[in-house]
């Protein structure tokens, strides 16, 4: 039987990869980070609970990937470079096979983004994963939610809705062919954090947010914090390749309020359109212009003929969503 400290030592302890960033990692009462001169530290925490954020019996390697990906997505939205993270893990049992796969998926993504695991905690309990991630961003260069300006373009990266489509399939809300279910499921289980795009947009974009609970609700956070409104071209939203085969109603709903996309929604001045496209091309991520920031409060949905669209959709909420 693995003890708590055996578990940490075997699956989550490695030699430091970047001693210039982290003077002390796993194994002491605190880790010691060394921020670069002229940088601010960006910090974000996300918790994933079995039965709420992922299905019981989820594939552990993909779960390890996703639990770090959702945190890296927050850094991406701020234009912050990943430095390190901590892991708090509650486990029903210390299963070696599960731990090997979970830590493998987790640390593979950490290595891809040069992000050091520097500490955390383990305990016995219902499967719960809590990660706190640390990044750095130059002073006054962070992409903040409160920085959108009237007349800004609204952009979104990648595509939307396939993760929500996969969830609908798993819940038997609709029927997808096995290949389509599997392809959509990859977007749900193994999202790609847009870290490189966030870094490339520093100095170009004004405001940004990552899309975790649905585009409509997450964009509303920018509007509220920036004290502005927006018009959104709902049929210009880039539906994912599986969702794009579905009905217009489903495309609209899942693009606007799907959740689990982990793309970036950001605003930038119209004069910066070429720079936005060049930055996106440089990092190999598609971006789509989907609307405009306006002085009038509220979010207005328009079709391609600029006619209002009445759509009652609700983004994910941890205490009211099913």
C-alpha atoms as a PDB file:
ATOM      1  CA  UNK A   1       0.000   0.000   0.000  1.00  0.00           C
ATOM      2  CA  UNK A   2       1.413   3.377  -1.025  1.00  0.00           C
ATOM      3  CA  UNK A   3       1.743   5.965   1.729  1.00  0.00           C
ATOM      4  CA  UNK A   4       1.052   9.638   1.026  1.00  0.00           C
ATOM      5  CA  UNK A   5       4.760  10.423   0.802  1.00  0.00           C
ATOM      6  CA  UNK A   6       5.565   7.327  -1.260  1.00  0.00           C
ATOM      7  CA  UNK A   7       2.857   8.411  -3.697  1.00  0.00           C
ATOM      8  CA  UNK A   8       4.283  11.920  -4.028  1.00  0.00           C
ATOM      9  CA  UNK A   9       7.844  10.663  -4.370  1.00  0.00           C
ATOM     10  CA  UNK A  10       7.039   8.026  -6.991  1.00  0.00           C
ATOM     11  CA  UNK A  11       4.618   9.895  -9.258  1.00  0.00           C
ATOM     12  CA  UNK A  12       5.078  13.625  -8.733  1.00  0.00           C
ATOM     13  CA  UNK A  13       8.693  14.289  -7.715  1.00  0.00           C
ATOM     14  CA  UNK A  14      11.356  15.040 -10.339  1.00  0.00           C
ATOM     15  CA  UNK A  15      14.606  17.001 -10.446  1.00  0.00           C
ATOM     16  CA  UNK A  16      13.937  20.695 -11.053  1.00  0.00           C
ATOM     17  CA  UNK A  17      13.956  21.506 -14.761  1.00  0.00           C
ATOM     18  CA  UNK A  18      14.436  25.263 -14.332  1.00  0.00           C
ATOM     19  CA  UNK A  19      16.380  26.096 -11.176  1.00  0.00           C
ATOM     20  CA  UNK A  20      16.603  29.710 -12.383  1.00  0.00           C
ATOM     21  CA  UNK A  21      12.838  30.001 -11.895  1.00  0.00           C
ATOM     22  CA  UNK A  22      12.370  27.735  -8.891  1.00  0.00           C
ATOM     23  CA  UNK A  23      15.025  27.550  -6.180  1.00  0.00           C
ATOM     24  CA  UNK A  24      13.116  24.896  -4.201  1.00  0.00           C
ATOM     25  CA  UNK A  25      10.344  22.574  -5.309  1.00  0.00           C
ATOM     26  CA  UNK A  26       8.575  19.477  -4.014  1.00  0.00           C
ATOM     27  CA  UNK A  27       9.601  18.250  -0.565  1.00  0.00           C
ATOM     28  CA  UNK A  28       9.675  21.229   1.797  1.00  0.00           C
ATOM     29  CA  UNK A  29       7.051  23.337   3.588  1.00  0.00           C
ATOM     30  CA  UNK A  30       7.043  25.883   0.749  1.00  0.00           C
ATOM     31  CA  UNK A  31       8.389  26.130  -2.768  1.00  0.00           C
ATOM     32  CA  UNK A  32      10.596  29.088  -3.654  1.00  0.00           C
ATOM     33  CA  UNK A  33       9.948  30.886  -6.946  1.00  0.00           C
ATOM     34  CA  UNK A  34      12.325  33.422  -8.466  1.00  0.00           C
ATOM     35  CA  UNK A  35      10.423  35.890 -10.677  1.00  0.00           C
ATOM     36  CA  UNK A  36      12.323  37.599 -13.468  1.00  0.00           C
ATOM     37  CA  UNK A  37      13.131  41.303 -13.037  1.00  0.00           C
ATOM     38  CA  UNK A  38      10.372  43.591 -14.274  1.00  0.00           C
ATOM     39  CA  UNK A  39       7.750  40.847 -14.192  1.00  0.00           C
ATOM     40  CA  UNK A  40       4.504  40.384 -12.308  1.00  0.00           C
ATOM     41  CA  UNK A  41       3.382  36.961 -11.108  1.00  0.00           C
ATOM     42  CA  UNK A  42       0.020  35.789 -12.492  1.00  0.00           C
ATOM     43  CA  UNK A  43      -1.733  33.210 -10.282  1.00  0.00           C
ATOM     44  CA  UNK A  44      -4.846  31.134 -10.985  1.00  0.00           C
ATOM     45  CA  UNK A  45      -6.557  28.184  -9.280  1.00  0.00           C
ATOM     46  CA  UNK A  46      -9.042  25.677 -10.702  1.00  0.00           C
ATOM     47  CA  UNK A  47     -10.691  22.695  -9.045  1.00  0.00           C
ATOM     48  CA  UNK A  48     -12.077  19.654 -10.887  1.00  0.00           C
ATOM     49  CA  UNK A  49     -14.476  17.353  -9.019  1.00  0.00           C
ATOM     50  CA  UNK A  50     -15.498  13.895 -10.208  1.00  0.00           C
ATOM     51  CA  UNK A  51     -19.150  13.849 -11.210  1.00  0.00           C
ATOM     52  CA  UNK A  52     -19.224  17.622 -11.626  1.00  0.00           C
ATOM     53  CA  UNK A  53     -16.383  18.503 -14.005  1.00  0.00           C
ATOM     54  CA  UNK A  54     -15.626  15.044 -15.377  1.00  0.00           C
ATOM     55  CA  UNK A  55     -17.341  11.669 -15.522  1.00  0.00           C
ATOM     56  CA  UNK A  56     -16.584   8.916 -13.040  1.00  0.00           C
ATOM     57  CA  UNK A  57     -14.054   6.567 -14.592  1.00  0.00           C
ATOM     58  CA  UNK A  58     -12.546   9.241 -16.846  1.00  0.00           C
ATOM     59  CA  UNK A  59      -9.373   8.148 -18.625  1.00  0.00           C
ATOM     60  CA  UNK A  60      -6.625   9.204 -16.179  1.00  0.00           C
ATOM     61  CA  UNK A  61      -4.023  10.326 -18.737  1.00  0.00           C
ATOM     62  CA  UNK A  62      -6.496  12.683 -20.399  1.00  0.00           C
ATOM     63  CA  UNK A  63      -7.732  13.837 -17.013  1.00  0.00           C
ATOM     64  CA  UNK A  64      -4.164  14.697 -16.014  1.00  0.00           C
ATOM     65  CA  UNK A  65      -3.805  16.687 -19.238  1.00  0.00           C
ATOM     66  CA  UNK A  66      -7.103  18.507 -18.833  1.00  0.00           C
ATOM     67  CA  UNK A  67      -6.698  19.535 -15.211  1.00  0.00           C
ATOM     68  CA  UNK A  68      -3.499  21.403 -16.075  1.00  0.00           C
ATOM     69  CA  UNK A  69      -4.774  22.617 -19.456  1.00  0.00           C
ATOM     70  CA  UNK A  70      -7.667  24.527 -17.885  1.00  0.00           C
ATOM     71  CA  UNK A  71      -5.216  26.366 -15.633  1.00  0.00           C
ATOM     72  CA  UNK A  72      -2.782  27.121 -18.444  1.00  0.00           C
ATOM     73  CA  UNK A  73      -5.744  28.526 -20.371  1.00  0.00           C
ATOM     74  CA  UNK A  74      -6.188  31.131 -17.624  1.00  0.00           C
ATOM     75  CA  UNK A  75      -2.550  32.173 -18.017  1.00  0.00           C
ATOM     76  CA  UNK A  76      -3.046  32.357 -21.777  1.00  0.00           C
ATOM     77  CA  UNK A  77      -5.955  34.753 -21.301  1.00  0.00           C
ATOM     78  CA  UNK A  78      -3.696  37.093 -19.322  1.00  0.00           C
ATOM     79  CA  UNK A  79      -0.816  36.882 -21.791  1.00  0.00           C
ATOM     80  CA  UNK A  80       1.293  35.247 -19.068  1.00  0.00           C
ATOM     81  CA  UNK A  81       4.124  32.768 -19.586  1.00  0.00           C
ATOM     82  CA  UNK A  82       3.777  29.574 -17.489  1.00  0.00           C
ATOM     83  CA  UNK A  83       6.327  29.091 -14.715  1.00  0.00           C
ATOM     84  CA  UNK A  84       5.133  26.507 -12.207  1.00  0.00           C
ATOM     85  CA  UNK A  85       2.122  24.874 -10.576  1.00  0.00           C
ATOM     86  CA  UNK A  86       1.012  23.076  -7.429  1.00  0.00           C
ATOM     87  CA  UNK A  87      -1.267  20.035  -7.262  1.00  0.00           C
ATOM     88  CA  UNK A  88      -3.724  19.177  -4.476  1.00  0.00           C
ATOM     89  CA  UNK A  89      -5.164  15.724  -5.053  1.00  0.00           C
ATOM     90  CA  UNK A  90      -7.867  13.830  -3.144  1.00  0.00           C
ATOM     91  CA  UNK A  91      -8.011  10.143  -4.085  1.00  0.00           C
ATOM     92  CA  UNK A  92     -10.454   7.376  -3.109  1.00  0.00           C
ATOM     93  CA  UNK A  93      -7.492   4.989  -3.241  1.00  0.00           C
ATOM     94  CA  UNK A  94      -3.823   5.043  -4.229  1.00  0.00           C
ATOM     95  CA  UNK A  95      -4.066   2.942  -7.394  1.00  0.00           C
ATOM     96  CA  UNK A  96      -0.595   2.688  -9.019  1.00  0.00           C
ATOM     97  CA  UNK A  97      -1.906   2.197 -12.569  1.00  0.00           C
ATOM     98  CA  UNK A  98      -4.231   5.194 -12.282  1.00  0.00           C
ATOM     99  CA  UNK A  99      -1.500   7.365 -10.763  1.00  0.00           C
ATOM    100  CA  UNK A 100       1.034   6.421 -13.442  1.00  0.00           C
ATOM    101  CA  UNK A 101      -1.363   7.355 -16.242  1.00  0.00           C
ATOM    102  CA  UNK A 102      -2.640  10.516 -14.539  1.00  0.00           C
ATOM    103  CA  UNK A 103       0.823  11.834 -13.709  1.00  0.00           C
ATOM    104  CA  UNK A 104       2.004  10.937 -17.215  1.00  0.00           C
ATOM    105  CA  UNK A 105      -0.697  13.047 -18.875  1.00  0.00           C
ATOM    106  CA  UNK A 106      -0.223  15.874 -16.386  1.00  0.00           C
ATOM    107  CA  UNK A 107       3.556  16.077 -16.638  1.00  0.00           C
ATOM    108  CA  UNK A 108       3.648  15.664 -20.429  1.00  0.00           C
ATOM    109  CA  UNK A 109       1.627  18.871 -20.791  1.00  0.00           C
ATOM    110  CA  UNK A 110       3.705  20.547 -18.088  1.00  0.00           C
ATOM    111  CA  UNK A 111       6.877  19.712 -20.017  1.00  0.00           C
ATOM    112  CA  UNK A 112       5.359  20.990 -23.256  1.00  0.00           C
ATOM    113  CA  UNK A 113       4.865  24.398 -21.629  1.00  0.00           C
ATOM    114  CA  UNK A 114       8.031  24.344 -19.491  1.00  0.00           C
ATOM    115  CA  UNK A 115       5.897  24.533 -16.344  1.00  0.00           C
ATOM    116  CA  UNK A 116       7.379  23.074 -13.152  1.00  0.00           C
ATOM    117  CA  UNK A 117       5.424  21.037 -10.585  1.00  0.00           C
ATOM    118  CA  UNK A 118       6.646  22.582  -7.325  1.00  0.00           C
ATOM    119  CA  UNK A 119       4.430  21.177  -4.560  1.00  0.00           C
ATOM    120  CA  UNK A 120       0.936  20.496  -3.343  1.00  0.00           C
ATOM    121  CA  UNK A 121      -0.878  18.003  -1.133  1.00  0.00           C
ATOM    122  CA  UNK A 122      -2.581  14.604  -1.224  1.00  0.00           C
ATOM    123  CA  UNK A 123      -5.318  13.077   0.899  1.00  0.00           C
ATOM    124  CA  UNK A 124      -7.923  10.319   0.788  1.00  0.00           C
ATOM    125  CA  UNK A 125     -11.407  11.337  -0.309  1.00  0.00           C
ATOM    126  CA  UNK A 126     -13.705  11.714  -3.342  1.00  0.00           C
ATOM    127  CA  UNK A 127     -11.622  12.263  -6.475  1.00  0.00           C
ATOM    128  CA  UNK A 128     -10.876  15.999  -6.567  1.00  0.00           C
ATOM    129  CA  UNK A 129      -8.042  17.774  -8.372  1.00  0.00           C
ATOM    130  CA  UNK A 130      -7.037  21.317  -7.527  1.00  0.00           C
ATOM    131  CA  UNK A 131      -4.216  23.070  -9.358  1.00  0.00           C
ATOM    132  CA  UNK A 132      -2.733  26.497  -8.733  1.00  0.00           C
ATOM    133  CA  UNK A 133      -0.641  27.775 -11.619  1.00  0.00           C
ATOM    134  CA  UNK A 134       1.920  30.571 -11.645  1.00  0.00           C
ATOM    135  CA  UNK A 135       3.003  32.597 -14.656  1.00  0.00           C
ATOM    136  CA  UNK A 136       4.833  35.819 -15.341  1.00  0.00           C
ATOM    137  CA  UNK A 137       3.916  38.838 -17.424  1.00  0.00           C
ATOM    138  CA  UNK A 138       5.739  42.170 -17.870  1.00  0.00           C
ATOM    139  CA  UNK A 139       4.503  45.051 -15.749  1.00  0.00           C
ATOM    140  CA  UNK A 140       1.357  46.641 -17.214  1.00  0.00           C
ATOM    141  CA  UNK A 141       1.304  44.114 -20.110  1.00  0.00           C
ATOM    142  CA  UNK A 142      -1.354  41.689 -18.818  1.00  0.00           C
ATOM    143  CA  UNK A 143      -4.492  41.226 -20.931  1.00  0.00           C
ATOM    144  CA  UNK A 144      -7.200  42.143 -18.424  1.00  0.00           C
ATOM    145  CA  UNK A 145     -10.973  41.788 -18.545  1.00  0.00           C
ATOM    146  CA  UNK A 146     -11.481  45.470 -17.742  1.00  0.00           C
ATOM    147  CA  UNK A 147      -9.557  46.842 -20.730  1.00  0.00           C
ATOM    148  CA  UNK A 148     -12.036  46.557 -23.637  1.00  0.00           C
ATOM    149  CA  UNK A 149     -12.673  49.813 -25.471  1.00  0.00           C
ATOM    150  CA  UNK A 150     -15.657  51.065 -27.463  1.00  0.00           C
ATOM    151  CA  UNK A 151     -15.304  50.186 -31.182  1.00  0.00           C
ATOM    152  CA  UNK A 152     -12.897  47.312 -30.452  1.00  0.00           C
ATOM    153  CA  UNK A 153     -13.272  44.231 -32.618  1.00  0.00           C
ATOM    154  CA  UNK A 154     -14.198  41.049 -30.757  1.00  0.00           C
ATOM    155  CA  UNK A 155     -12.224  37.968 -31.768  1.00  0.00           C
ATOM    156  CA  UNK A 156     -12.251  34.303 -30.846  1.00  0.00           C
ATOM    157  CA  UNK A 157      -9.564  31.695 -31.395  1.00  0.00           C
ATOM    158  CA  UNK A 158      -9.999  28.207 -32.815  1.00  0.00           C
ATOM    159  CA  UNK A 159     -13.479  26.723 -32.923  1.00  0.00           C
ATOM    160  CA  UNK A 160     -16.379  26.412 -30.515  1.00  0.00           C
ATOM    161  CA  UNK A 161     -19.008  23.925 -29.464  1.00  0.00           C
ATOM    162  CA  UNK A 162     -17.592  20.469 -30.159  1.00  0.00           C
ATOM    163  CA  UNK A 163     -16.939  19.840 -26.458  1.00  0.00           C
ATOM    164  CA  UNK A 164     -20.563  20.671 -25.621  1.00  0.00           C
ATOM    165  CA  UNK A 165     -21.702  18.479 -28.507  1.00  0.00           C
ATOM    166  CA  UNK A 166     -19.690  15.597 -27.062  1.00  0.00           C
ATOM    167  CA  UNK A 167     -21.308  16.140 -23.672  1.00  0.00           C
ATOM    168  CA  UNK A 168     -24.752  16.057 -25.275  1.00  0.00           C
ATOM    169  CA  UNK A 169     -23.824  12.726 -26.841  1.00  0.00           C
ATOM    170  CA  UNK A 170     -22.575  11.280 -23.555  1.00  0.00           C
ATOM    171  CA  UNK A 171     -25.794  12.410 -21.844  1.00  0.00           C
ATOM    172  CA  UNK A 172     -27.949  10.893 -24.621  1.00  0.00           C
ATOM    173  CA  UNK A 173     -29.419  14.315 -25.398  1.00  0.00           C
ATOM    174  CA  UNK A 174     -28.737  13.498 -29.050  1.00  0.00           C
ATOM    175  CA  UNK A 175     -27.207  10.694 -31.054  1.00  0.00           C
ATOM    176  CA  UNK A 176     -23.841  11.013 -32.795  1.00  0.00           C
ATOM    177  CA  UNK A 177     -22.082   8.471 -34.952  1.00  0.00           C
ATOM    178  CA  UNK A 178     -19.252   6.765 -33.001  1.00  0.00           C
ATOM    179  CA  UNK A 179     -16.518   8.495 -35.005  1.00  0.00           C
ATOM    180  CA  UNK A 180     -18.117  11.896 -34.526  1.00  0.00           C
ATOM    181  CA  UNK A 181     -18.605  11.260 -30.803  1.00  0.00           C
ATOM    182  CA  UNK A 182     -14.960  10.298 -30.429  1.00  0.00           C
ATOM    183  CA  UNK A 183     -13.697  13.309 -32.390  1.00  0.00           C
ATOM    184  CA  UNK A 184     -15.887  15.748 -30.464  1.00  0.00           C
ATOM    185  CA  UNK A 185     -14.897  14.026 -27.230  1.00  0.00           C
ATOM    186  CA  UNK A 186     -11.249  14.867 -27.841  1.00  0.00           C
ATOM    187  CA  UNK A 187     -12.135  18.562 -27.571  1.00  0.00           C
ATOM    188  CA  UNK A 188     -13.865  17.879 -24.272  1.00  0.00           C
ATOM    189  CA  UNK A 189     -11.255  15.598 -22.718  1.00  0.00           C
ATOM    190  CA  UNK A 190      -8.002  17.067 -24.082  1.00  0.00           C
ATOM    191  CA  UNK A 191      -8.328  20.828 -24.702  1.00  0.00           C
ATOM    192  CA  UNK A 192      -5.391  22.821 -26.058  1.00  0.00           C
ATOM    193  CA  UNK A 193      -4.524  25.877 -23.944  1.00  0.00           C
ATOM    194  CA  UNK A 194      -3.765  28.856 -26.231  1.00  0.00           C
ATOM    195  CA  UNK A 195      -0.656  29.929 -24.351  1.00  0.00           C
ATOM    196  CA  UNK A 196       1.368  30.882 -27.437  1.00  0.00           C
ATOM    197  CA  UNK A 197      -1.485  33.010 -28.783  1.00  0.00           C
ATOM    198  CA  UNK A 198      -1.890  34.818 -25.470  1.00  0.00           C
ATOM    199  CA  UNK A 199       1.797  35.699 -25.478  1.00  0.00           C
ATOM    200  CA  UNK A 200       1.644  36.810 -29.116  1.00  0.00           C
ATOM    201  CA  UNK A 201      -1.295  39.137 -28.390  1.00  0.00           C
ATOM    202  CA  UNK A 202       0.507  41.157 -25.718  1.00  0.00           C
ATOM    203  CA  UNK A 203       0.701  44.743 -26.898  1.00  0.00           C
ATOM    204  CA  UNK A 204      -1.939  44.078 -29.587  1.00  0.00           C
ATOM    205  CA  UNK A 205      -5.129  43.029 -27.786  1.00  0.00           C
ATOM    206  CA  UNK A 206      -6.848  45.117 -25.131  1.00  0.00           C
ATOM    207  CA  UNK A 207      -8.943  42.657 -23.105  1.00  0.00           C
ATOM    208  CA  UNK A 208      -9.106  38.863 -23.071  1.00  0.00           C
ATOM    209  CA  UNK A 209     -10.723  35.920 -21.322  1.00  0.00           C
ATOM    210  CA  UNK A 210     -10.597  32.176 -21.799  1.00  0.00           C
ATOM    211  CA  UNK A 211     -13.841  30.451 -22.768  1.00  0.00           C
ATOM    212  CA  UNK A 212     -14.545  27.869 -20.095  1.00  0.00           C
ATOM    213  CA  UNK A 213     -18.245  28.355 -19.276  1.00  0.00           C
ATOM    214  CA  UNK A 214     -19.523  29.428 -22.706  1.00  0.00           C
ATOM    215  CA  UNK A 215     -18.694  32.352 -24.988  1.00  0.00           C
ATOM    216  CA  UNK A 216     -21.778  34.411 -24.122  1.00  0.00           C
ATOM    217  CA  UNK A 217     -21.272  34.273 -20.372  1.00  0.00           C
ATOM    218  CA  UNK A 218     -17.513  34.694 -20.512  1.00  0.00           C
ATOM    219  CA  UNK A 219     -17.708  37.647 -22.914  1.00  0.00           C
ATOM    220  CA  UNK A 220     -20.235  39.197 -20.528  1.00  0.00           C
ATOM    221  CA  UNK A 221     -17.506  39.236 -17.867  1.00  0.00           C
ATOM    222  CA  UNK A 222     -15.413  41.458 -20.158  1.00  0.00           C
ATOM    223  CA  UNK A 223     -18.402  43.707 -20.822  1.00  0.00           C
ATOM    224  CA  UNK A 224     -19.229  44.036 -17.131  1.00  0.00           C
ATOM    225  CA  UNK A 225     -15.659  44.718 -16.030  1.00  0.00           C
ATOM    226  CA  UNK A 226     -15.042  47.165 -18.889  1.00  0.00           C
ATOM    227  CA  UNK A 227     -18.474  48.837 -18.487  1.00  0.00           C
ATOM    228  CA  UNK A 228     -19.342  48.443 -22.167  1.00  0.00           C
ATOM    229  CA  UNK A 229     -21.716  46.431 -24.360  1.00  0.00           C
ATOM    230  CA  UNK A 230     -21.336  44.470 -27.587  1.00  0.00           C
ATOM    231  CA  UNK A 231     -22.968  43.207 -30.731  1.00  0.00           C
ATOM    232  CA  UNK A 232     -22.135  39.657 -31.746  1.00  0.00           C
ATOM    233  CA  UNK A 233     -22.595  38.079 -35.180  1.00  0.00           C
ATOM    234  CA  UNK A 234     -23.941  34.777 -33.959  1.00  0.00           C
ATOM    235  CA  UNK A 235     -23.691  33.004 -37.329  1.00  0.00           C
ATOM    236  CA  UNK A 236     -20.072  34.093 -37.694  1.00  0.00           C
ATOM    237  CA  UNK A 237     -19.078  32.048 -34.645  1.00  0.00           C
ATOM    238  CA  UNK A 238     -16.606  29.354 -35.731  1.00  0.00           C
ATOM    239  CA  UNK A 239     -18.371  26.058 -35.028  1.00  0.00           C
ATOM    240  CA  UNK A 240     -16.146  23.043 -34.502  1.00  0.00           C
ATOM    241  CA  UNK A 241     -15.832  20.540 -37.360  1.00  0.00           C
ATOM    242  CA  UNK A 242     -18.345  18.109 -35.814  1.00  0.00           C
ATOM    243  CA  UNK A 243     -20.808  20.750 -34.652  1.00  0.00           C
ATOM    244  CA  UNK A 244     -20.705  22.450 -38.064  1.00  0.00           C
ATOM    245  CA  UNK A 245     -22.626  19.459 -39.486  1.00  0.00           C
ATOM    246  CA  UNK A 246     -25.531  20.021 -37.082  1.00  0.00           C
ATOM    247  CA  UNK A 247     -28.592  22.275 -37.312  1.00  0.00           C
ATOM    248  CA  UNK A 248     -28.361  26.060 -37.095  1.00  0.00           C
ATOM    249  CA  UNK A 249     -30.167  25.998 -33.743  1.00  0.00           C
ATOM    250  CA  UNK A 250     -27.675  23.564 -32.256  1.00  0.00           C
ATOM    251  CA  UNK A 251     -24.710  25.450 -33.733  1.00  0.00           C
ATOM    252  CA  UNK A 252     -25.924  28.740 -32.275  1.00  0.00           C
ATOM    253  CA  UNK A 253     -26.645  27.308 -28.841  1.00  0.00           C
ATOM    254  CA  UNK A 254     -23.492  25.258 -28.432  1.00  0.00           C
ATOM    255  CA  UNK A 255     -21.157  27.933 -29.855  1.00  0.00           C
ATOM    256  CA  UNK A 256     -22.612  30.600 -27.606  1.00  0.00           C
ATOM    257  CA  UNK A 257     -23.178  28.672 -24.399  1.00  0.00           C
ATOM    258  CA  UNK A 258     -21.376  25.372 -24.734  1.00  0.00           C
ATOM    259  CA  UNK A 259     -18.463  25.645 -22.346  1.00  0.00           C
ATOM    260  CA  UNK A 260     -15.257  23.588 -22.114  1.00  0.00           C
ATOM    261  CA  UNK A 261     -13.874  25.206 -25.284  1.00  0.00           C
ATOM    262  CA  UNK A 262     -10.785  26.778 -23.651  1.00  0.00           C
ATOM    263  CA  UNK A 263     -10.336  29.138 -26.561  1.00  0.00           C
ATOM    264  CA  UNK A 264      -9.518  32.829 -26.141  1.00  0.00           C
ATOM    265  CA  UNK A 265     -12.029  35.629 -26.634  1.00  0.00           C
ATOM    266  CA  UNK A 266     -10.288  38.988 -26.932  1.00  0.00           C
ATOM    267  CA  UNK A 267     -10.775  42.540 -28.124  1.00  0.00           C
ATOM    268  CA  UNK A 268      -8.493  44.762 -30.175  1.00  0.00           C
ATOM    269  CA  UNK A 269      -8.752  48.061 -32.026  1.00  0.00           C
ATOM    270  CA  UNK A 270      -9.820  47.847 -35.707  1.00  0.00           C
ATOM    271  CA  UNK A 271      -6.448  49.355 -36.628  1.00  0.00           C
ATOM    272  CA  UNK A 272      -4.819  46.209 -35.204  1.00  0.00           C
ATOM    273  CA  UNK A 273      -6.573  43.690 -37.452  1.00  0.00           C
ATOM    274  CA  UNK A 274      -3.501  42.893 -39.520  1.00  0.00           C
ATOM    275  CA  UNK A 275      -1.381  42.549 -36.375  1.00  0.00           C
ATOM    276  CA  UNK A 276      -3.949  40.206 -34.812  1.00  0.00           C
ATOM    277  CA  UNK A 277      -3.984  38.010 -37.915  1.00  0.00           C
ATOM    278  CA  UNK A 278      -0.192  38.036 -38.141  1.00  0.00           C
ATOM    279  CA  UNK A 279       0.169  37.068 -34.478  1.00  0.00           C
ATOM    280  CA  UNK A 280      -2.323  34.217 -34.894  1.00  0.00           C
ATOM    281  CA  UNK A 281      -0.622  32.978 -38.057  1.00  0.00           C
ATOM    282  CA  UNK A 282       2.757  33.066 -36.331  1.00  0.00           C
ATOM    283  CA  UNK A 283       1.591  30.633 -33.646  1.00  0.00           C
ATOM    284  CA  UNK A 284      -0.574  28.547 -35.982  1.00  0.00           C
ATOM    285  CA  UNK A 285      -3.974  29.300 -34.439  1.00  0.00           C
ATOM    286  CA  UNK A 286      -6.998  30.436 -36.447  1.00  0.00           C
ATOM    287  CA  UNK A 287      -8.857  33.514 -35.195  1.00  0.00           C
ATOM    288  CA  UNK A 288     -12.267  34.858 -36.239  1.00  0.00           C
ATOM    289  CA  UNK A 289     -13.679  38.357 -35.877  1.00  0.00           C
ATOM    290  CA  UNK A 290     -17.162  37.930 -34.416  1.00  0.00           C
ATOM    291  CA  UNK A 291     -18.431  41.309 -33.240  1.00  0.00           C
ATOM    292  CA  UNK A 292     -17.835  44.785 -31.915  1.00  0.00           C
ATOM    293  CA  UNK A 293     -17.613  46.497 -28.527  1.00  0.00           C
ATOM    294  CA  UNK A 294     -20.221  49.245 -28.106  1.00  0.00           C
ATOM    295  CA  UNK A 295     -21.010  51.932 -25.548  1.00  0.00           C
ATOM    296  CA  UNK A 296     -24.568  50.696 -24.940  1.00  0.00           C
ATOM    297  CA  UNK A 297     -24.582  48.064 -22.158  1.00  0.00           C
ATOM    298  CA  UNK A 298     -25.701  44.531 -22.883  1.00  0.00           C
ATOM    299  CA  UNK A 299     -24.954  41.811 -25.409  1.00  0.00           C
ATOM    300  CA  UNK A 300     -26.892  41.947 -28.676  1.00  0.00           C
ATOM    301  CA  UNK A 301     -27.011  38.956 -31.014  1.00  0.00           C
ATOM    302  CA  UNK A 302     -27.283  39.581 -34.763  1.00  0.00           C
ATOM    303  CA  UNK A 303     -27.595  37.300 -37.780  1.00  0.00           C
ATOM    304  CA  UNK A 304     -25.568  37.776 -40.949  1.00  0.00           C
ATOM    305  CA  UNK A 305     -28.109  40.359 -42.177  1.00  0.00           C
ATOM    306  CA  UNK A 306     -27.614  42.326 -38.942  1.00  0.00           C
ATOM    307  CA  UNK A 307     -31.107  41.431 -37.778  1.00  0.00           C
ATOM    308  CA  UNK A 308     -31.607  40.782 -34.038  1.00  0.00           C
ATOM    309  CA  UNK A 309     -31.674  37.155 -32.929  1.00  0.00           C
ATOM    310  CA  UNK A 310     -33.656  36.242 -29.821  1.00  0.00           C
ATOM    311  CA  UNK A 311     -31.800  33.383 -28.145  1.00  0.00           C
ATOM    312  CA  UNK A 312     -32.243  32.452 -24.509  1.00  0.00           C
ATOM    313  CA  UNK A 313     -29.125  30.573 -23.518  1.00  0.00           C
ATOM    314  CA  UNK A 314     -27.384  30.192 -20.176  1.00  0.00           C
ATOM    315  CA  UNK A 315     -23.710  29.544 -19.653  1.00  0.00           C
ATOM    316  CA  UNK A 316     -22.453  26.945 -17.186  1.00  0.00           C
ATOM    317  CA  UNK A 317     -22.716  27.828 -13.500  1.00  0.00           C
ATOM    318  CA  UNK A 318     -21.324  25.531 -10.816  1.00  0.00           C
ATOM    319  CA  UNK A 319     -24.320  25.969  -8.524  1.00  0.00           C
ATOM    320  CA  UNK A 320     -27.232  26.118 -10.958  1.00  0.00           C
ATOM    321  CA  UNK A 321     -26.188  24.132 -14.052  1.00  0.00           C
ATOM    322  CA  UNK A 322     -27.006  20.389 -14.168  1.00  0.00           C
END
